[in-house]
N, C-alpha and C. Protein backbone atom coordinates (compact mmCIF):
# COMPACT_ATOMS: atom_id res chain seq x y z
N MET A 1 158.73 106.98 108.22
CA MET A 1 158.41 106.57 109.85
C MET A 1 158.58 108.44 110.30
N ARG A 2 157.66 108.77 110.73
CA ARG A 2 157.73 110.22 111.52
C ARG A 2 158.73 110.32 112.68
N MET A 3 159.18 111.51 112.93
CA MET A 3 160.08 111.67 113.78
C MET A 3 159.02 112.85 115.04
N ILE A 4 158.43 112.40 115.69
CA ILE A 4 157.37 113.26 116.58
C ILE A 4 158.17 113.91 117.87
N GLU A 5 158.23 115.14 118.11
CA GLU A 5 158.75 115.33 119.43
C GLU A 5 157.84 116.69 119.73
N LEU A 6 157.75 116.85 121.35
CA LEU A 6 157.42 117.69 121.76
C LEU A 6 157.90 118.18 122.21
N SER A 7 157.89 119.82 122.61
CA SER A 7 159.05 120.82 123.25
C SER A 7 158.29 122.32 123.31
N LEU A 8 158.90 123.12 124.29
CA LEU A 8 158.50 124.35 124.61
C LEU A 8 158.70 125.16 123.49
N PHE A 9 157.30 125.80 122.88
CA PHE A 9 157.42 126.54 121.79
C PHE A 9 158.79 127.66 121.73
N ASN A 10 159.35 128.18 121.01
CA ASN A 10 160.68 129.55 121.04
C ASN A 10 160.10 129.90 119.68
N PRO A 11 159.44 131.37 120.26
CA PRO A 11 158.96 132.18 119.26
C PRO A 11 160.33 132.92 118.27
N ALA A 12 161.65 132.61 118.46
CA ALA A 12 162.75 132.82 117.89
C ALA A 12 162.89 131.71 116.83
N GLN A 13 162.68 130.56 117.00
CA GLN A 13 162.62 129.40 116.19
C GLN A 13 161.44 129.49 114.86
N THR A 14 162.53 128.64 113.90
CA THR A 14 161.61 129.02 112.62
C THR A 14 161.08 127.68 112.75
N TYR A 15 159.45 127.56 112.44
CA TYR A 15 158.94 125.90 112.47
C TYR A 15 158.43 126.09 111.05
N GLY A 16 158.64 124.50 110.42
CA GLY A 16 158.06 124.47 108.63
C GLY A 16 156.58 124.24 109.22
N ASN A 17 155.90 125.39 107.91
CA ASN A 17 154.86 124.81 108.03
C ASN A 17 153.81 125.59 108.74
N ILE A 18 154.18 126.43 109.62
CA ILE A 18 153.29 126.54 110.78
C ILE A 18 152.23 127.88 110.02
N LYS A 19 152.67 128.39 109.01
CA LYS A 19 151.64 129.25 108.11
C LYS A 19 150.91 128.66 107.52
N GLN A 20 151.16 127.25 107.49
CA GLN A 20 150.05 126.18 106.33
C GLN A 20 149.31 125.93 107.83
N PHE A 21 149.56 125.89 108.69
CA PHE A 21 148.83 124.74 110.02
C PHE A 21 147.42 125.08 109.50
N ASP A 22 146.92 123.58 109.52
CA ASP A 22 145.22 123.43 109.61
C ASP A 22 144.72 122.74 110.49
N CYS A 23 144.07 122.91 111.51
CA CYS A 23 143.56 121.78 112.12
C CYS A 23 141.89 121.79 112.18
N GLY A 24 141.50 122.67 110.77
CA GLY A 24 139.97 122.43 110.80
C GLY A 24 138.99 123.40 111.48
N HIS A 25 139.59 124.25 112.44
CA HIS A 25 139.32 125.30 113.24
C HIS A 25 139.83 126.32 112.66
N PRO A 26 138.99 127.54 112.44
CA PRO A 26 139.34 128.61 111.78
C PRO A 26 140.08 129.45 112.94
N VAL A 27 139.33 129.68 113.91
CA VAL A 27 139.74 130.68 115.17
C VAL A 27 141.19 130.18 115.50
N ILE A 28 141.57 128.69 115.29
CA ILE A 28 142.65 128.17 116.14
C ILE A 28 143.93 128.13 114.92
N ASN A 29 143.16 127.96 113.64
CA ASN A 29 144.36 127.92 112.66
C ASN A 29 144.91 129.72 112.63
N SER A 30 143.85 130.81 112.35
CA SER A 30 144.30 131.84 112.75
C SER A 30 145.46 132.46 113.63
N PHE A 31 145.01 131.93 115.17
CA PHE A 31 145.63 132.40 116.20
C PHE A 31 147.32 131.91 115.68
N VAL A 32 147.36 130.49 115.13
CA VAL A 32 148.93 130.04 115.06
C VAL A 32 149.31 130.79 114.27
N ARG A 33 148.78 131.22 113.25
CA ARG A 33 149.62 131.91 111.84
C ARG A 33 149.65 133.29 112.83
N ASN A 34 148.60 134.29 113.37
CA ASN A 34 149.20 135.55 113.48
C ASN A 34 149.12 136.17 114.63
N SER A 35 148.97 135.21 116.02
CA SER A 35 148.84 135.42 117.83
C SER A 35 149.98 134.65 118.29
N LEU A 36 150.11 133.42 118.00
CA LEU A 36 150.87 132.74 118.30
C LEU A 36 151.98 132.97 119.30
N LYS A 37 153.31 133.71 118.12
CA LYS A 37 154.69 134.38 118.99
C LYS A 37 154.46 135.47 119.67
N SER A 38 153.25 136.20 119.56
CA SER A 38 153.45 137.59 120.07
C SER A 38 152.78 137.26 121.41
N GLN A 39 152.15 136.36 121.73
CA GLN A 39 151.27 135.98 123.07
C GLN A 39 152.50 135.48 123.51
N VAL A 40 153.57 134.70 123.22
CA VAL A 40 154.61 133.95 123.51
C VAL A 40 155.69 134.95 124.48
N LYS A 41 155.94 135.61 123.45
CA LYS A 41 157.15 137.08 123.35
C LYS A 41 156.28 137.89 124.94
N LYS A 42 154.98 138.16 124.90
CA LYS A 42 154.65 139.13 125.65
C LYS A 42 154.29 138.42 127.17
N ASN A 43 154.83 136.89 127.38
CA ASN A 43 154.34 136.15 128.37
C ASN A 43 153.36 136.19 128.69
N LEU A 44 152.30 136.24 127.79
CA LEU A 44 150.80 136.16 128.08
C LEU A 44 150.76 134.78 128.20
N SER A 45 151.32 133.89 127.74
CA SER A 45 150.95 132.22 127.54
C SER A 45 152.22 131.57 127.20
N VAL A 46 152.12 130.62 127.70
CA VAL A 46 153.35 129.48 127.19
C VAL A 46 152.84 128.82 126.25
N ALA A 47 153.78 127.81 125.42
CA ALA A 47 153.28 127.48 124.43
C ALA A 47 154.31 125.87 124.25
N TYR A 48 153.49 125.01 124.22
CA TYR A 48 154.29 123.44 123.64
C TYR A 48 153.52 123.24 122.43
N VAL A 49 154.93 122.72 122.03
CA VAL A 49 154.57 122.07 120.02
C VAL A 49 154.93 121.08 120.18
N ILE A 50 154.25 120.18 119.31
CA ILE A 50 154.69 118.93 118.49
C ILE A 50 155.24 119.47 117.13
N THR A 51 156.54 118.96 116.67
CA THR A 51 157.17 119.04 115.61
C THR A 51 157.40 117.62 114.88
N ASP A 52 157.11 117.91 113.76
CA ASP A 52 157.85 116.52 112.55
C ASP A 52 159.45 116.84 112.46
N ARG A 53 160.55 115.84 113.26
CA ARG A 53 161.83 116.49 112.47
C ARG A 53 162.16 116.16 111.04
N ARG A 54 161.32 114.90 110.79
CA ARG A 54 161.50 114.65 109.26
C ARG A 54 160.86 115.33 108.41
N GLN A 55 160.34 116.36 108.77
CA GLN A 55 159.49 117.33 108.33
C GLN A 55 159.93 118.69 108.34
N ASN A 56 161.40 118.57 108.05
CA ASN A 56 161.80 120.03 108.26
C ASN A 56 161.09 120.80 109.76
N HIS A 57 160.91 120.26 110.50
CA HIS A 57 160.52 120.60 112.39
C HIS A 57 159.05 121.12 111.73
N ARG A 58 158.25 120.77 110.69
CA ARG A 58 157.20 120.74 110.65
C ARG A 58 156.15 120.96 111.90
N PHE A 59 155.12 122.43 111.95
CA PHE A 59 154.77 122.77 113.23
C PHE A 59 153.58 121.42 113.32
N VAL A 60 153.23 120.82 113.53
CA VAL A 60 151.95 119.57 113.82
C VAL A 60 151.29 119.94 115.02
N GLY A 61 151.20 120.30 116.12
CA GLY A 61 150.21 120.42 117.32
C GLY A 61 151.28 121.51 117.86
N PHE A 62 150.05 122.16 119.04
CA PHE A 62 150.30 122.87 119.67
C PHE A 62 149.24 122.91 121.00
N TYR A 63 149.66 123.62 122.28
CA TYR A 63 148.93 123.77 123.08
C TYR A 63 149.29 125.60 123.74
N THR A 64 148.44 126.04 124.34
CA THR A 64 148.75 127.21 125.19
C THR A 64 148.01 127.05 126.69
N ILE A 65 149.29 127.55 127.26
CA ILE A 65 148.39 127.36 128.74
C ILE A 65 148.70 128.66 129.85
N THR A 66 148.11 129.25 130.73
CA THR A 66 148.38 130.23 131.50
C THR A 66 147.86 129.86 132.48
N GLN A 67 148.13 130.86 133.52
CA GLN A 67 148.13 130.77 135.39
C GLN A 67 146.48 131.58 135.37
N TYR A 68 145.49 131.71 136.04
CA TYR A 68 144.28 132.10 135.77
C TYR A 68 143.64 132.07 136.94
N THR A 69 142.95 132.86 137.50
CA THR A 69 141.67 132.55 138.64
C THR A 69 139.93 132.41 138.15
N ILE A 70 139.63 131.27 138.90
CA ILE A 70 138.18 131.16 138.22
C ILE A 70 137.60 131.38 139.91
N ASP A 71 135.97 132.22 139.46
CA ASP A 71 135.23 132.50 140.93
C ASP A 71 134.79 130.66 141.52
N VAL A 72 135.06 131.10 142.51
CA VAL A 72 134.24 129.40 143.10
C VAL A 72 132.86 129.28 142.79
N SER A 73 132.16 130.11 142.57
CA SER A 73 130.80 130.03 142.02
C SER A 73 130.52 129.08 140.75
N ALA A 74 131.69 129.58 139.74
CA ALA A 74 131.94 128.79 138.93
C ALA A 74 131.94 127.09 138.48
N LEU A 75 132.73 126.80 139.71
CA LEU A 75 132.97 125.63 140.46
C LEU A 75 131.85 125.04 140.80
N SER A 76 130.81 125.60 140.76
CA SER A 76 129.51 124.86 142.23
C SER A 76 129.02 123.46 141.57
N ALA A 77 129.27 123.27 140.76
CA ALA A 77 128.65 121.79 139.83
C ALA A 77 129.66 120.74 140.36
N LEU A 78 130.74 121.11 140.42
CA LEU A 78 131.75 119.98 140.79
C LEU A 78 131.20 119.48 142.27
N SER A 79 130.55 120.25 143.18
CA SER A 79 130.62 120.30 144.65
C SER A 79 131.52 119.26 145.42
N LEU A 80 133.03 120.58 145.42
CA LEU A 80 134.74 120.33 146.25
C LEU A 80 134.42 120.76 147.24
N GLY A 81 133.42 121.37 147.86
CA GLY A 81 133.62 121.51 149.28
C GLY A 81 133.96 123.06 149.31
N SER A 82 134.37 123.83 150.53
CA SER A 82 134.59 125.04 151.06
C SER A 82 135.92 125.31 150.29
N LEU A 83 136.26 126.28 149.53
CA LEU A 83 137.11 127.27 149.15
C LEU A 83 136.87 128.42 149.00
N PRO A 84 138.19 129.26 148.57
CA PRO A 84 138.15 130.57 148.57
C PRO A 84 137.41 131.43 147.40
N ARG A 85 136.97 132.32 147.62
CA ARG A 85 135.98 133.27 146.21
C ARG A 85 136.86 133.26 144.72
N SER A 86 138.02 133.04 145.57
CA SER A 86 138.97 133.29 143.88
C SER A 86 139.58 132.15 143.74
N VAL A 87 139.82 130.86 143.08
CA VAL A 87 140.71 129.99 142.98
C VAL A 87 141.66 129.81 142.19
N PRO A 88 142.81 129.77 142.32
CA PRO A 88 143.75 129.67 141.23
C PRO A 88 143.80 128.25 140.18
N CYS A 89 144.44 128.65 139.62
CA CYS A 89 144.25 127.14 138.54
C CYS A 89 145.25 127.88 137.21
N SER A 90 145.31 126.45 136.57
CA SER A 90 145.82 126.59 135.14
C SER A 90 145.00 126.88 133.93
N ARG A 91 145.16 127.53 132.78
CA ARG A 91 144.05 127.55 131.96
C ARG A 91 144.63 127.25 130.32
N LEU A 92 144.03 126.07 129.87
CA LEU A 92 144.22 125.76 128.69
C LEU A 92 143.54 126.85 127.73
N VAL A 93 144.45 127.60 127.14
CA VAL A 93 144.01 128.62 126.12
C VAL A 93 143.62 127.84 124.77
N MET A 94 144.53 127.15 124.05
CA MET A 94 143.98 126.62 122.87
C MET A 94 144.98 125.33 122.71
N LEU A 95 144.19 124.24 121.97
CA LEU A 95 145.22 123.20 121.34
C LEU A 95 144.53 122.83 120.05
N GLY A 96 145.77 122.43 119.42
CA GLY A 96 144.87 122.07 118.14
C GLY A 96 145.99 120.96 117.23
N VAL A 97 145.71 120.27 116.30
CA VAL A 97 146.51 119.48 115.69
C VAL A 97 146.30 119.07 114.08
N ASP A 98 147.57 119.51 113.16
CA ASP A 98 147.36 119.77 112.11
C ASP A 98 146.58 118.57 111.41
N LYS A 99 145.13 118.77 110.91
CA LYS A 99 144.72 117.79 109.92
C LYS A 99 145.34 116.50 109.26
N HIS A 100 146.54 116.57 108.97
CA HIS A 100 147.66 115.57 108.12
C HIS A 100 148.00 114.65 109.51
N TYR A 101 147.84 115.11 110.39
CA TYR A 101 148.42 114.15 111.27
C TYR A 101 147.02 113.73 112.55
N LYS A 102 146.05 113.89 112.23
CA LYS A 102 145.12 113.22 113.16
C LYS A 102 145.03 111.67 113.28
N GLY A 103 144.51 111.38 114.29
CA GLY A 103 144.60 109.64 114.24
C GLY A 103 145.86 109.43 115.08
N LEU A 104 146.52 110.21 115.28
CA LEU A 104 148.19 109.58 116.13
C LEU A 104 148.07 109.91 117.47
N GLN A 105 146.78 110.40 117.83
CA GLN A 105 146.61 110.24 119.57
C GLN A 105 147.59 111.90 119.79
N LEU A 106 147.71 112.65 119.28
CA LEU A 106 148.83 113.63 119.10
C LEU A 106 147.92 114.62 120.25
N GLY A 107 146.60 114.92 120.11
CA GLY A 107 146.09 115.77 120.63
C GLY A 107 145.74 115.06 122.51
N THR A 108 146.12 113.82 122.68
CA THR A 108 145.80 112.94 123.92
C THR A 108 147.36 113.47 124.42
N LYS A 109 148.28 113.32 123.46
CA LYS A 109 149.78 113.69 124.18
C LYS A 109 149.99 114.69 124.47
N LEU A 110 149.11 115.85 123.98
CA LEU A 110 149.25 117.21 124.38
C LEU A 110 148.66 117.44 125.54
N MET A 111 147.67 116.52 125.53
CA MET A 111 146.68 117.15 127.02
C MET A 111 147.40 116.45 128.12
N ARG A 112 148.04 115.13 127.90
CA ARG A 112 148.61 114.53 129.13
C ARG A 112 149.77 115.43 129.25
N HIS A 113 150.45 115.99 128.52
CA HIS A 113 151.60 116.68 129.15
C HIS A 113 151.01 118.30 129.59
N ALA A 114 149.91 118.61 129.45
CA ALA A 114 149.53 119.97 130.12
C ALA A 114 148.80 119.61 131.38
N LEU A 115 148.36 118.23 131.63
CA LEU A 115 147.88 117.98 132.97
C LEU A 115 148.93 117.18 133.93
N LEU A 116 150.29 117.05 133.10
CA LEU A 116 151.52 116.86 134.01
C LEU A 116 151.88 118.09 134.36
N LEU A 117 151.89 119.35 133.24
CA LEU A 117 152.95 120.27 133.63
C LEU A 117 151.35 121.06 134.89
N THR A 118 150.01 120.64 134.90
CA THR A 118 149.24 121.44 135.93
C THR A 118 149.54 120.74 137.26
N GLN A 119 149.92 119.52 137.25
CA GLN A 119 150.18 118.98 138.44
C GLN A 119 151.37 119.43 139.19
N SER A 120 152.64 119.80 138.32
CA SER A 120 153.91 120.23 138.89
C SER A 120 153.66 121.64 139.08
N VAL A 121 152.97 122.39 138.51
CA VAL A 121 152.50 124.00 138.75
C VAL A 121 152.02 123.72 140.44
N ALA A 122 151.01 123.13 140.26
CA ALA A 122 150.45 123.27 141.87
C ALA A 122 151.32 122.48 142.97
N ARG A 123 152.38 121.57 142.62
CA ARG A 123 153.52 121.51 143.59
C ARG A 123 153.90 122.39 143.88
N GLN A 124 154.40 123.44 143.29
CA GLN A 124 155.48 124.61 143.16
C GLN A 124 154.89 125.98 143.44
N ILE A 125 153.80 126.39 143.18
CA ILE A 125 153.08 127.80 143.33
C ILE A 125 151.74 127.96 143.62
N GLY A 126 151.20 126.28 143.62
CA GLY A 126 149.63 126.37 144.24
C GLY A 126 148.96 126.53 142.76
N SER A 127 148.03 125.60 142.42
CA SER A 127 147.12 125.90 141.12
C SER A 127 145.69 124.64 141.92
N PHE A 128 144.58 124.59 141.82
CA PHE A 128 143.87 123.90 142.38
C PHE A 128 142.79 122.95 141.14
N GLY A 129 143.52 123.22 139.54
CA GLY A 129 143.47 122.49 138.64
C GLY A 129 143.41 123.04 137.37
N LEU A 130 142.78 122.38 136.28
CA LEU A 130 142.98 122.85 134.82
C LEU A 130 141.61 123.36 134.59
N TYR A 131 141.87 124.65 133.96
CA TYR A 131 140.14 124.97 132.87
C TYR A 131 140.57 125.12 131.91
N LEU A 132 139.35 125.10 131.33
CA LEU A 132 139.19 125.29 129.65
C LEU A 132 137.64 125.58 129.18
N ASP A 133 137.74 125.74 128.04
CA ASP A 133 136.73 126.21 127.19
C ASP A 133 136.46 125.08 125.96
N ALA A 134 136.00 124.58 126.04
CA ALA A 134 135.98 123.19 125.34
C ALA A 134 135.05 123.73 124.18
N ASP A 135 135.41 123.42 122.40
CA ASP A 135 135.24 123.53 121.96
C ASP A 135 133.66 122.25 121.60
N PRO A 136 132.43 122.47 121.16
CA PRO A 136 131.57 121.24 121.31
C PRO A 136 131.99 120.13 120.75
N LEU A 137 132.75 120.29 119.62
CA LEU A 137 133.00 118.88 119.12
C LEU A 137 134.62 118.02 120.09
N ALA A 138 134.55 118.96 121.28
CA ALA A 138 135.94 118.33 121.83
C ALA A 138 135.35 118.08 123.20
N ILE A 139 133.66 118.26 123.57
CA ILE A 139 133.95 117.71 124.83
C ILE A 139 133.82 116.29 125.44
N GLY A 140 133.56 115.29 124.60
CA GLY A 140 133.91 113.93 125.00
C GLY A 140 135.19 113.88 124.89
N PHE A 141 136.09 114.12 124.12
CA PHE A 141 137.58 114.36 124.33
C PHE A 141 137.98 114.65 125.55
N TYR A 142 137.89 115.82 126.34
CA TYR A 142 137.94 115.83 127.38
C TYR A 142 137.55 115.45 128.54
N GLN A 143 136.06 114.81 128.47
CA GLN A 143 135.53 114.24 129.32
C GLN A 143 136.39 112.83 129.57
N LYS A 144 136.86 112.06 128.31
CA LYS A 144 137.61 110.73 128.51
C LYS A 144 138.84 111.20 129.63
N LEU A 145 139.36 112.48 129.52
CA LEU A 145 140.71 112.63 130.69
C LEU A 145 140.44 112.69 131.60
N GLY A 146 138.97 113.08 132.10
CA GLY A 146 138.55 113.33 133.61
C GLY A 146 137.98 114.93 133.64
N PHE A 147 137.98 115.59 132.63
CA PHE A 147 137.32 116.95 132.97
C PHE A 147 136.14 116.89 133.34
N ARG A 148 135.17 117.92 133.64
CA ARG A 148 133.55 117.70 134.19
C ARG A 148 132.93 119.03 133.52
N LEU A 149 132.04 119.06 133.09
CA LEU A 149 131.51 120.59 132.31
C LEU A 149 131.14 121.10 133.70
N LEU A 150 131.51 122.29 133.69
CA LEU A 150 130.84 123.59 134.85
C LEU A 150 129.39 123.88 134.50
N GLN A 151 128.96 123.53 133.77
CA GLN A 151 127.47 123.98 132.98
C GLN A 151 126.79 123.00 132.13
N ASP A 152 125.90 123.12 131.77
CA ASP A 152 125.09 122.41 130.76
C ASP A 152 125.74 122.79 129.47
N ASP A 153 125.92 121.13 128.53
CA ASP A 153 126.80 121.76 127.25
C ASP A 153 126.50 122.88 126.79
N GLN A 154 127.00 124.04 125.96
CA GLN A 154 126.91 125.12 125.91
C GLN A 154 126.79 125.15 124.45
N SER A 155 126.83 124.17 123.66
CA SER A 155 126.73 124.22 122.20
C SER A 155 125.71 125.16 121.70
N PRO A 156 126.20 126.08 120.59
CA PRO A 156 127.23 125.89 119.61
C PRO A 156 128.61 126.64 120.28
N GLU A 157 127.93 127.37 121.72
CA GLU A 157 129.52 128.35 121.92
C GLU A 157 130.44 126.95 122.88
N PRO A 158 131.54 127.33 123.08
CA PRO A 158 132.30 126.70 124.00
C PRO A 158 132.05 126.28 125.36
N SER A 159 132.24 125.21 125.72
CA SER A 159 131.61 124.92 127.17
C SER A 159 132.64 124.93 128.24
N PRO A 160 132.62 125.47 129.64
CA PRO A 160 133.42 125.38 130.32
C PRO A 160 133.65 124.13 130.97
N MET A 161 135.07 123.79 131.08
CA MET A 161 134.95 122.13 131.74
C MET A 161 136.63 122.61 132.69
N PHE A 162 136.73 121.91 133.59
CA PHE A 162 137.55 121.86 134.98
C PHE A 162 137.94 120.33 135.36
N ILE A 163 139.10 120.47 135.78
CA ILE A 163 139.79 119.12 136.40
C ILE A 163 140.47 119.35 137.84
N PRO A 164 139.95 119.14 138.77
CA PRO A 164 140.94 119.52 140.03
C PRO A 164 142.06 118.44 139.57
N VAL A 165 143.18 118.99 140.16
CA VAL A 165 144.31 118.53 140.34
C VAL A 165 144.55 117.21 141.02
N GLU A 166 143.64 117.04 141.87
CA GLU A 166 143.65 115.74 142.45
C GLU A 166 142.97 114.58 141.77
N SER A 167 141.88 115.01 140.52
CA SER A 167 141.21 113.81 140.01
C SER A 167 142.21 113.89 138.44
N ILE A 168 143.69 114.24 138.67
CA ILE A 168 143.90 114.06 137.41
C ILE A 168 145.13 112.50 137.55
N GLY A 169 144.89 112.02 136.70
CA GLY A 169 145.27 110.57 136.46
C GLY A 169 145.72 110.49 135.07
N MET A 170 147.09 109.67 134.83
CA MET A 170 147.56 109.39 134.13
C MET A 170 147.45 108.07 132.97
N GLY A 171 146.35 107.64 133.45
CA GLY A 171 146.32 105.91 133.26
C GLY A 171 146.03 105.78 132.27
């Protein structure tokens, strides 16, 4: 049985198999191997990781999140009423789960954590919601969580998506 733990990423900690992380997406794999530590050290984003304690704290999955502002015109498809020109929000930058752990709902676990964090941030410093650029193969995954496309599907490019804090449901 696996012992899966979700925790704040610590760039000073050694994670098992981080250099072998493979979620099947070359850009995300490269980010984990080459940029994750330095981005977190520079406070450009915060990362949360899922590790497997039974596998030497194997790096299984992660997401990175940062504060962001989005132009209100980008949110026009959502019909949210009157908002300032620049809207504060959180931004999910990267998310990935190692292929060896697919099917365990770990991507959903990471996203639920990110959504709870977004709600918490909104209560503490003000944030209108969570923005992300969805990989074409992940649009349906994010829609099931309540995200809406800000434009038509931009495939093969990433598609911008958003969920307002008031729409975040943890059902």
